[in-house]
Amino acid sequence: MAWKLGVAAAAVGVAFLTLGADPAPSMAPLPQIKPYLGAAQLPDTLKILPPAPQKGDIRYEADRKMFLATRKLEGTPRFALSLNDDNTGRYVADLSCALGVQLTAQNAPKFMSMIPRIGRDSTTVMNGPKDFWKRQRPFLIDQGPTCIDQHGGIEKTWDYPSGHNTFSWAVGLILAEIVPDRATEILVRARAFGESRLVCGVHNMSAVEAGRTNGSILVAALHSSPEFRADLDVARQEIAAARKAGPAPDPAACAKEAELMKSPYDQR
């Protein structure tokens, strides 16, 4: 894809927890990845998040309208970006323009080792609401194109809240805390990453918004973990050094990416 940033394709050499098409309900935990949070530290996001929209209510109809309106983005560069953003394993590399440097296992080993652990915790806080509400994905309610195969397994998983957005918003908030002078750019890209699920057609608008709330809840809980806070301190030093060492991403590629991040709320 010609629009794709060169910085997004680099391998980082660590085992990411790839959320891909969102984990299936009641997904078995991955034993090789240690979460930061124990059961006592995990907030009950089922009680915190708003209920999933129900057929006939205002939010349900708003979800339908958004899905149908954004199907016109098929074939556009923004639709292509949503396909890129389907792969959470590339997410940190895709934040390179926002950060001003590409983070790798070589220049930020502690931070990169934190990513799959945060992914484990994000899966945990996501699964409860998904299993309870069993909200259908939008393409199962109305017909329309999606950026990935609608029959590749995603149709067997639930919509609310978005697992991609739970994870991506949490990582975005953490990076905004580490690099406050780039917080706006980081969170704009994190928002666009979550909204790519809406553009792709695999999540409803309400699921994307709930994922953002869910990610914020997760970050608040992560700060209760002494191990997380200690790792965060090391990551802060690593990223500061990486930003000084560079190199910075290609400005032309970053400008092209910025053009694609207009919110789908504005493109209907």
C-alpha atoms as a PDB file:
ATOM      1  CA  MET A   1       0.000   0.000   0.000  1.00  0.00           C
ATOM      2  CA  ALA A   2       1.622   3.194  -1.204  1.00  0.00           C
ATOM      3  CA  TRP A   3       0.337   5.322   1.644  1.00  0.00           C
ATOM      4  CA  LYS A   4       1.921   3.182   4.319  1.00  0.00           C
ATOM      5  CA  LEU A   5       4.641   4.708   6.478  1.00  0.00           C
ATOM      6  CA  GLY A   6       8.037   3.109   6.270  1.00  0.00           C
ATOM      7  CA  VAL A   7       8.388   3.351  10.050  1.00  0.00           C
ATOM      8  CA  ALA A   8       5.339   1.143  10.541  1.00  0.00           C
ATOM      9  CA  ALA A   9       6.816  -1.963   8.965  1.00  0.00           C
ATOM     10  CA  ALA A  10       9.866  -2.525  11.161  1.00  0.00           C
ATOM     11  CA  ALA A  11       9.965  -5.648  13.308  1.00  0.00           C
ATOM     12  CA  VAL A  12      10.529  -4.969  16.978  1.00  0.00           C
ATOM     13  CA  GLY A  13      11.694  -8.417  18.036  1.00  0.00           C
ATOM     14  CA  VAL A  14       9.353  -8.919  20.993  1.00  0.00           C
ATOM     15  CA  ALA A  15       6.304 -11.103  21.510  1.00  0.00           C
ATOM     16  CA  PHE A  16       3.321  -8.782  21.217  1.00  0.00           C
ATOM     17  CA  LEU A  17      -0.097  -9.827  22.390  1.00  0.00           C
ATOM     18  CA  THR A  18      -1.897  -9.331  19.076  1.00  0.00           C
ATOM     19  CA  LEU A  19      -5.544  -8.528  19.590  1.00  0.00           C
ATOM     20  CA  GLY A  20      -6.200  -8.877  15.841  1.00  0.00           C
ATOM     21  CA  ALA A  21      -9.907  -9.515  15.464  1.00  0.00           C
ATOM     22  CA  ASP A  22     -10.477  -9.094  19.189  1.00  0.00           C
ATOM     23  CA  PRO A  23     -10.073 -12.056  21.525  1.00  0.00           C
ATOM     24  CA  ALA A  24     -12.935 -14.505  21.640  1.00  0.00           C
ATOM     25  CA  PRO A  25     -15.270 -14.355  24.637  1.00  0.00           C
ATOM     26  CA  SER A  26     -13.828 -16.119  27.679  1.00  0.00           C
ATOM     27  CA  MET A  27     -10.470 -16.429  25.944  1.00  0.00           C
ATOM     28  CA  ALA A  28      -8.099 -18.624  27.930  1.00  0.00           C
ATOM     29  CA  PRO A  29      -5.238 -16.643  29.471  1.00  0.00           C
ATOM     30  CA  LEU A  30      -1.852 -16.786  27.797  1.00  0.00           C
ATOM     31  CA  PRO A  31       0.439 -18.355  30.421  1.00  0.00           C
ATOM     32  CA  GLN A  32       3.679 -17.030  28.909  1.00  0.00           C
ATOM     33  CA  ILE A  33       2.668 -13.411  29.489  1.00  0.00           C
ATOM     34  CA  LYS A  34       2.465 -12.190  33.068  1.00  0.00           C
ATOM     35  CA  PRO A  35      -0.170  -9.509  33.676  1.00  0.00           C
ATOM     36  CA  TYR A  36       0.556  -6.543  35.891  1.00  0.00           C
ATOM     37  CA  LEU A  37      -2.731  -6.747  37.771  1.00  0.00           C
ATOM     38  CA  GLY A  38      -3.982  -9.453  40.090  1.00  0.00           C
ATOM     39  CA  ALA A  39      -7.637 -10.197  40.658  1.00  0.00           C
ATOM     40  CA  ALA A  40      -7.828  -7.837  43.640  1.00  0.00           C
ATOM     41  CA  GLN A  41      -6.489  -4.922  41.566  1.00  0.00           C
ATOM     42  CA  LEU A  42      -8.779  -5.381  38.569  1.00  0.00           C
ATOM     43  CA  PRO A  43     -11.723  -2.976  38.409  1.00  0.00           C
ATOM     44  CA  ASP A  44     -15.106  -4.432  37.473  1.00  0.00           C
ATOM     45  CA  THR A  45     -15.544  -2.718  34.122  1.00  0.00           C
ATOM     46  CA  LEU A  46     -18.924  -4.371  33.616  1.00  0.00           C
ATOM     47  CA  LYS A  47     -20.253  -2.196  36.445  1.00  0.00           C
ATOM     48  CA  ILE A  48     -18.361   0.927  35.346  1.00  0.00           C
ATOM     49  CA  LEU A  49     -19.087   1.045  31.613  1.00  0.00           C
ATOM     50  CA  PRO A  50     -22.503   2.137  30.330  1.00  0.00           C
ATOM     51  CA  PRO A  51     -24.724  -0.735  29.217  1.00  0.00           C
ATOM     52  CA  ALA A  52     -24.304  -1.836  25.617  1.00  0.00           C
ATOM     53  CA  PRO A  53     -26.951  -0.342  23.310  1.00  0.00           C
ATOM     54  CA  GLN A  54     -30.096  -2.407  22.964  1.00  0.00           C
ATOM     55  CA  LYS A  55     -32.276  -2.775  19.889  1.00  0.00           C
ATOM     56  CA  GLY A  56     -34.716   0.116  19.655  1.00  0.00           C
ATOM     57  CA  ASP A  57     -32.885   2.606  21.847  1.00  0.00           C
ATOM     58  CA  ILE A  58     -31.259   5.847  20.655  1.00  0.00           C
ATOM     59  CA  ARG A  59     -27.662   4.622  20.924  1.00  0.00           C
ATOM     60  CA  TYR A  60     -28.467   1.467  18.948  1.00  0.00           C
ATOM     61  CA  GLU A  61     -29.879   3.510  16.076  1.00  0.00           C
ATOM     62  CA  ALA A  62     -26.936   5.943  16.239  1.00  0.00           C
ATOM     63  CA  ASP A  63     -24.566   2.991  15.875  1.00  0.00           C
ATOM     64  CA  ARG A  64     -26.450   1.806  12.787  1.00  0.00           C
ATOM     65  CA  LYS A  65     -26.384   5.260  11.197  1.00  0.00           C
ATOM     66  CA  MET A  66     -22.653   5.618  11.784  1.00  0.00           C
ATOM     67  CA  PHE A  67     -21.883   2.196  10.322  1.00  0.00           C
ATOM     68  CA  LEU A  68     -23.943   2.830   7.194  1.00  0.00           C
ATOM     69  CA  ALA A  69     -22.634   6.377   6.712  1.00  0.00           C
ATOM     70  CA  THR A  70     -18.972   5.381   6.975  1.00  0.00           C
ATOM     71  CA  ARG A  71     -19.245   2.572   4.401  1.00  0.00           C
ATOM     72  CA  LYS A  72     -18.577   5.237   1.757  1.00  0.00           C
ATOM     73  CA  LEU A  73     -14.962   5.272   2.994  1.00  0.00           C
ATOM     74  CA  GLU A  74     -14.319   1.909   1.321  1.00  0.00           C
ATOM     75  CA  GLY A  75     -11.418   2.269  -1.096  1.00  0.00           C
ATOM     76  CA  THR A  76     -10.143   5.504   0.408  1.00  0.00           C
ATOM     77  CA  PRO A  77      -6.737   5.998   2.073  1.00  0.00           C
ATOM     78  CA  ARG A  78      -8.536   6.230   5.439  1.00  0.00           C
ATOM     79  CA  PHE A  79     -10.040   2.794   4.842  1.00  0.00           C
ATOM     80  CA  ALA A  80      -6.541   1.489   4.061  1.00  0.00           C
ATOM     81  CA  LEU A  81      -5.279   2.999   7.303  1.00  0.00           C
ATOM     82  CA  SER A  82      -8.001   1.121   9.175  1.00  0.00           C
ATOM     83  CA  LEU A  83      -6.666  -2.126   7.688  1.00  0.00           C
ATOM     84  CA  ASN A  84      -3.160  -1.231   8.848  1.00  0.00           C
ATOM     85  CA  ASP A  85      -4.545  -0.503  12.309  1.00  0.00           C
ATOM     86  CA  ASP A  86      -6.197  -3.920  12.501  1.00  0.00           C
ATOM     87  CA  ASN A  87      -2.785  -5.287  13.505  1.00  0.00           C
ATOM     88  CA  THR A  88      -2.063  -4.257  17.094  1.00  0.00           C
ATOM     89  CA  GLY A  89       1.429  -5.751  16.761  1.00  0.00           C
ATOM     90  CA  ARG A  90       2.370  -2.693  14.692  1.00  0.00           C
ATOM     91  CA  TYR A  91       0.808  -0.189  17.051  1.00  0.00           C
ATOM     92  CA  VAL A  92       3.972   1.081  18.747  1.00  0.00           C
ATOM     93  CA  ALA A  93       5.704   1.486  15.378  1.00  0.00           C
ATOM     94  CA  ASP A  94       2.629   3.341  14.119  1.00  0.00           C
ATOM     95  CA  LEU A  95       3.089   5.846  16.948  1.00  0.00           C
ATOM     96  CA  SER A  96       6.528   6.815  15.635  1.00  0.00           C
ATOM     97  CA  CYS A  97       5.398  10.061  14.004  1.00  0.00           C
ATOM     98  CA  ALA A  98       3.511  11.064  17.137  1.00  0.00           C
ATOM     99  CA  LEU A  99       6.519  10.294  19.344  1.00  0.00           C
ATOM    100  CA  GLY A 100       9.149  11.657  16.987  1.00  0.00           C
ATOM    101  CA  VAL A 101      11.118   8.404  17.105  1.00  0.00           C
ATOM    102  CA  GLN A 102      10.536   4.719  16.478  1.00  0.00           C
ATOM    103  CA  LEU A 103      10.735   2.575  19.607  1.00  0.00           C
ATOM    104  CA  THR A 104      12.214  -0.909  19.267  1.00  0.00           C
ATOM    105  CA  ALA A 105      13.382  -3.750  21.470  1.00  0.00           C
ATOM    106  CA  GLN A 106      16.886  -2.372  21.036  1.00  0.00           C
ATOM    107  CA  ASN A 107      16.367   1.247  22.098  1.00  0.00           C
ATOM    108  CA  ALA A 108      13.479   0.710  24.540  1.00  0.00           C
ATOM    109  CA  PRO A 109      13.631  -2.898  25.801  1.00  0.00           C
ATOM    110  CA  LYS A 110      11.769  -2.286  29.060  1.00  0.00           C
ATOM    111  CA  PHE A 111       8.953  -0.368  27.412  1.00  0.00           C
ATOM    112  CA  MET A 112       8.570  -2.974  24.682  1.00  0.00           C
ATOM    113  CA  SER A 113       8.432  -5.723  27.304  1.00  0.00           C
ATOM    114  CA  MET A 114       5.577  -3.835  28.992  1.00  0.00           C
ATOM    115  CA  ILE A 115       3.371  -3.916  25.881  1.00  0.00           C
ATOM    116  CA  PRO A 116       2.283  -7.594  25.936  1.00  0.00           C
ATOM    117  CA  ARG A 117       1.676  -7.377  29.693  1.00  0.00           C
ATOM    118  CA  ILE A 118      -0.569  -4.367  29.227  1.00  0.00           C
ATOM    119  CA  GLY A 119      -2.257  -6.343  26.448  1.00  0.00           C
ATOM    120  CA  ARG A 120      -2.978  -9.202  28.855  1.00  0.00           C
ATOM    121  CA  ASP A 121      -4.565  -6.829  31.352  1.00  0.00           C
ATOM    122  CA  SER A 122      -6.562  -5.082  28.622  1.00  0.00           C
ATOM    123  CA  THR A 123      -7.965  -8.437  27.498  1.00  0.00           C
ATOM    124  CA  THR A 124      -9.060  -9.187  31.054  1.00  0.00           C
ATOM    125  CA  VAL A 125     -10.917  -5.904  31.575  1.00  0.00           C
ATOM    126  CA  MET A 126     -12.524  -6.304  28.145  1.00  0.00           C
ATOM    127  CA  ASN A 127     -13.758  -9.891  28.319  1.00  0.00           C
ATOM    128  CA  GLY A 128     -16.255  -9.420  31.165  1.00  0.00           C
ATOM    129  CA  PRO A 129     -18.406  -6.796  29.435  1.00  0.00           C
ATOM    130  CA  LYS A 130     -18.106  -8.554  26.076  1.00  0.00           C
ATOM    131  CA  ASP A 131     -19.290 -11.855  27.498  1.00  0.00           C
ATOM    132  CA  PHE A 132     -22.142 -10.235  29.407  1.00  0.00           C
ATOM    133  CA  TRP A 133     -23.596  -7.953  26.732  1.00  0.00           C
ATOM    134  CA  LYS A 134     -22.928 -10.162  23.701  1.00  0.00           C
ATOM    135  CA  ARG A 135     -23.369  -7.133  21.457  1.00  0.00           C
ATOM    136  CA  GLN A 136     -23.328  -8.015  17.759  1.00  0.00           C
ATOM    137  CA  ARG A 137     -20.825  -6.448  15.424  1.00  0.00           C
ATOM    138  CA  PRO A 138     -22.274  -3.864  13.016  1.00  0.00           C
ATOM    139  CA  PHE A 139     -21.882  -5.903   9.816  1.00  0.00           C
ATOM    140  CA  LEU A 140     -24.105  -8.588  11.364  1.00  0.00           C
ATOM    141  CA  ILE A 141     -26.896  -6.029  11.794  1.00  0.00           C
ATOM    142  CA  ASP A 142     -26.580  -4.121   8.500  1.00  0.00           C
ATOM    143  CA  GLN A 143     -24.799  -5.053   5.293  1.00  0.00           C
ATOM    144  CA  GLY A 144     -21.699  -3.175   4.260  1.00  0.00           C
ATOM    145  CA  PRO A 145     -18.032  -3.631   3.361  1.00  0.00           C
ATOM    146  CA  THR A 146     -15.382  -4.114   6.039  1.00  0.00           C
ATOM    147  CA  CYS A 147     -11.623  -3.771   5.817  1.00  0.00           C
ATOM    148  CA  ILE A 148     -11.108  -7.413   6.882  1.00  0.00           C
ATOM    149  CA  ASP A 149     -12.862 -10.696   6.122  1.00  0.00           C
ATOM    150  CA  GLN A 150     -16.266 -10.741   7.812  1.00  0.00           C
ATOM    151  CA  HIS A 151     -16.165 -14.543   7.899  1.00  0.00           C
ATOM    152  CA  GLY A 152     -12.638 -15.036   9.158  1.00  0.00           C
ATOM    153  CA  GLY A 153     -13.670 -15.634  12.762  1.00  0.00           C
ATOM    154  CA  ILE A 154     -14.450 -12.092  13.868  1.00  0.00           C
ATOM    155  CA  GLU A 155     -18.150 -12.733  13.317  1.00  0.00           C
ATOM    156  CA  LYS A 156     -18.048 -15.184  16.242  1.00  0.00           C
ATOM    157  CA  THR A 157     -16.772 -12.541  18.683  1.00  0.00           C
ATOM    158  CA  TRP A 158     -18.510  -9.658  20.406  1.00  0.00           C
ATOM    159  CA  ASP A 159     -18.529  -5.938  19.776  1.00  0.00           C
ATOM    160  CA  TYR A 160     -18.789  -4.079  23.093  1.00  0.00           C
ATOM    161  CA  PRO A 161     -16.367  -2.731  24.254  1.00  0.00           C
ATOM    162  CA  SER A 162     -13.659  -2.607  21.591  1.00  0.00           C
ATOM    163  CA  GLY A 163     -10.614  -4.605  22.632  1.00  0.00           C
ATOM    164  CA  HIS A 164      -8.423  -2.790  20.120  1.00  0.00           C
ATOM    165  CA  ASN A 165      -9.398   0.549  21.578  1.00  0.00           C
ATOM    166  CA  THR A 166      -9.068  -0.601  25.189  1.00  0.00           C
ATOM    167  CA  PHE A 167      -5.479  -1.576  24.454  1.00  0.00           C
ATOM    168  CA  SER A 168      -4.515   1.270  22.120  1.00  0.00           C
ATOM    169  CA  TRP A 169      -5.961   4.031  24.282  1.00  0.00           C
ATOM    170  CA  ALA A 170      -4.266   2.590  27.384  1.00  0.00           C
ATOM    171  CA  VAL A 171      -0.876   2.522  25.646  1.00  0.00           C
ATOM    172  CA  GLY A 172      -1.488   6.013  24.278  1.00  0.00           C
ATOM    173  CA  LEU A 173      -2.227   7.382  27.743  1.00  0.00           C
ATOM    174  CA  ILE A 174       0.885   5.740  29.148  1.00  0.00           C
ATOM    175  CA  LEU A 175       3.073   7.198  26.411  1.00  0.00           C
ATOM    176  CA  ALA A 176       1.453  10.616  26.863  1.00  0.00           C
ATOM    177  CA  GLU A 177       2.453  10.424  30.519  1.00  0.00           C
ATOM    178  CA  ILE A 178       6.024   9.441  29.613  1.00  0.00           C
ATOM    179  CA  VAL A 179       6.390  12.080  26.881  1.00  0.00           C
ATOM    180  CA  PRO A 180       4.106  14.953  27.943  1.00  0.00           C
ATOM    181  CA  ASP A 181       5.443  17.377  25.333  1.00  0.00           C
ATOM    182  CA  ARG A 182       4.095  15.016  22.642  1.00  0.00           C
ATOM    183  CA  ALA A 183       0.871  14.111  24.461  1.00  0.00           C
ATOM    184  CA  THR A 184      -1.408  15.797  21.933  1.00  0.00           C
ATOM    185  CA  GLU A 185       0.184  14.058  18.947  1.00  0.00           C
ATOM    186  CA  ILE A 186       0.224  10.689  20.731  1.00  0.00           C
ATOM    187  CA  LEU A 187      -3.421  10.855  21.751  1.00  0.00           C
ATOM    188  CA  VAL A 188      -4.537  12.060  18.316  1.00  0.00           C
ATOM    189  CA  ARG A 189      -2.934   8.948  16.812  1.00  0.00           C
ATOM    190  CA  ALA A 190      -4.340   6.748  19.581  1.00  0.00           C
ATOM    191  CA  ARG A 191      -7.813   8.155  18.935  1.00  0.00           C
ATOM    192  CA  ALA A 192      -7.426   7.543  15.199  1.00  0.00           C
ATOM    193  CA  PHE A 193      -6.273   3.970  15.857  1.00  0.00           C
ATOM    194  CA  GLY A 194      -9.451   3.275  17.814  1.00  0.00           C
ATOM    195  CA  GLU A 195     -11.650   5.018  15.257  1.00  0.00           C
ATOM    196  CA  SER A 196     -10.116   2.795  12.591  1.00  0.00           C
ATOM    197  CA  ARG A 197     -12.296   0.025  14.032  1.00  0.00           C
ATOM    198  CA  LEU A 198     -15.324   2.131  13.175  1.00  0.00           C
ATOM    199  CA  VAL A 199     -13.990   2.942   9.682  1.00  0.00           C
ATOM    200  CA  CYS A 200     -13.163  -0.735   9.156  1.00  0.00           C
ATOM    201  CA  GLY A 201     -16.770  -1.577  10.005  1.00  0.00           C
ATOM    202  CA  VAL A 202     -15.962  -4.170  12.644  1.00  0.00           C
ATOM    203  CA  HIS A 203     -17.025  -2.130  15.682  1.00  0.00           C
ATOM    204  CA  ASN A 204     -19.959   0.079  16.469  1.00  0.00           C
ATOM    205  CA  MET A 205     -19.409   3.695  17.497  1.00  0.00           C
ATOM    206  CA  SER A 206     -20.533   2.877  21.048  1.00  0.00           C
ATOM    207  CA  ALA A 207     -17.961   0.062  21.293  1.00  0.00           C
ATOM    208  CA  VAL A 208     -15.148   2.372  20.193  1.00  0.00           C
ATOM    209  CA  GLU A 209     -16.152   4.989  22.764  1.00  0.00           C
ATOM    210  CA  ALA A 210     -16.518   2.358  25.493  1.00  0.00           C
ATOM    211  CA  GLY A 211     -13.081   1.003  24.591  1.00  0.00           C
ATOM    212  CA  ARG A 212     -11.591   4.429  25.196  1.00  0.00           C
ATOM    213  CA  THR A 213     -13.246   4.572  28.615  1.00  0.00           C
ATOM    214  CA  ASN A 214     -12.129   1.015  29.320  1.00  0.00           C
ATOM    215  CA  GLY A 215      -8.532   1.880  28.455  1.00  0.00           C
ATOM    216  CA  SER A 216      -8.624   4.848  30.835  1.00  0.00           C
ATOM    217  CA  ILE A 217      -9.952   2.622  33.610  1.00  0.00           C
ATOM    218  CA  LEU A 218      -7.138   0.164  32.960  1.00  0.00           C
ATOM    219  CA  VAL A 219      -4.419   2.812  33.166  1.00  0.00           C
ATOM    220  CA  ALA A 220      -5.782   4.064  36.485  1.00  0.00           C
ATOM    221  CA  ALA A 221      -5.649   0.491  37.799  1.00  0.00           C
ATOM    222  CA  LEU A 222      -2.147  -0.147  36.409  1.00  0.00           C
ATOM    223  CA  HIS A 223      -0.796   2.687  38.524  1.00  0.00           C
ATOM    224  CA  SER A 224      -1.748   0.676  41.616  1.00  0.00           C
ATOM    225  CA  SER A 225       0.922  -1.871  40.651  1.00  0.00           C
ATOM    226  CA  PRO A 226       4.393  -1.162  42.111  1.00  0.00           C
ATOM    227  CA  GLU A 227       5.930  -3.291  39.363  1.00  0.00           C
ATOM    228  CA  PHE A 228       4.187  -1.258  36.669  1.00  0.00           C
ATOM    229  CA  ARG A 229       5.320   2.016  38.231  1.00  0.00           C
ATOM    230  CA  ALA A 230       8.902   0.765  38.464  1.00  0.00           C
ATOM    231  CA  ASP A 231       8.881  -0.334  34.839  1.00  0.00           C
ATOM    232  CA  LEU A 232       7.386   3.015  33.860  1.00  0.00           C
ATOM    233  CA  ASP A 233      10.322   4.830  35.458  1.00  0.00           C
ATOM    234  CA  VAL A 234      12.802   2.745  33.452  1.00  0.00           C
ATOM    235  CA  ALA A 235      10.775   3.200  30.264  1.00  0.00           C
ATOM    236  CA  ARG A 236      10.770   6.961  30.759  1.00  0.00           C
ATOM    237  CA  GLN A 237      14.581   6.994  30.787  1.00  0.00           C
ATOM    238  CA  GLU A 238      14.797   4.680  27.769  1.00  0.00           C
ATOM    239  CA  ILE A 239      12.439   6.768  25.671  1.00  0.00           C
ATOM    240  CA  ALA A 240      14.154  10.024  26.605  1.00  0.00           C
ATOM    241  CA  ALA A 241      17.459   8.563  25.411  1.00  0.00           C
ATOM    242  CA  ALA A 242      15.874   7.170  22.238  1.00  0.00           C
ATOM    243  CA  ARG A 243      14.419  10.573  21.371  1.00  0.00           C
ATOM    244  CA  LYS A 244      17.856  12.175  21.695  1.00  0.00           C
ATOM    245  CA  ALA A 245      19.576   9.471  19.644  1.00  0.00           C
ATOM    246  CA  GLY A 246      16.989   9.465  16.838  1.00  0.00           C
ATOM    247  CA  PRO A 247      16.611   9.272  13.966  1.00  0.00           C
ATOM    248  CA  ALA A 248      13.319  11.087  13.583  1.00  0.00           C
ATOM    249  CA  PRO A 249      10.691   9.619  11.235  1.00  0.00           C
ATOM    250  CA  ASP A 250      10.446  10.918   7.685  1.00  0.00           C
ATOM    251  CA  PRO A 251       8.571  14.248   7.787  1.00  0.00           C
ATOM    252  CA  ALA A 252       6.844  13.651   4.440  1.00  0.00           C
ATOM    253  CA  ALA A 253       5.551  10.271   5.554  1.00  0.00           C
ATOM    254  CA  CYS A 254       4.339  11.761   8.825  1.00  0.00           C
ATOM    255  CA  ALA A 255       2.563  14.570   6.992  1.00  0.00           C
ATOM    256  CA  LYS A 256       0.793  11.988   4.804  1.00  0.00           C
ATOM    257  CA  GLU A 257      -0.277  10.053   7.902  1.00  0.00           C
ATOM    258  CA  ALA A 258      -1.609  13.225   9.515  1.00  0.00           C
ATOM    259  CA  GLU A 259      -3.839  13.841   6.496  1.00  0.00           C
ATOM    260  CA  LEU A 260      -5.515  10.471   7.048  1.00  0.00           C
ATOM    261  CA  MET A 261      -6.406  10.933  10.703  1.00  0.00           C
ATOM    262  CA  LYS A 262      -9.441  13.140  10.260  1.00  0.00           C
ATOM    263  CA  SER A 263     -12.129  11.671  12.492  1.00  0.00           C
ATOM    264  CA  PRO A 264     -14.824   9.589  10.755  1.00  0.00           C
ATOM    265  CA  TYR A 265     -17.283  11.650  12.793  1.00  0.00           C
ATOM    266  CA  ASP A 266     -16.383  14.484  10.405  1.00  0.00           C
ATOM    267  CA  GLN A 267     -16.460  12.429   7.217  1.00  0.00           C
ATOM    268  CA  ARG A 268     -20.050  11.276   7.139  1.00  0.00           C
END
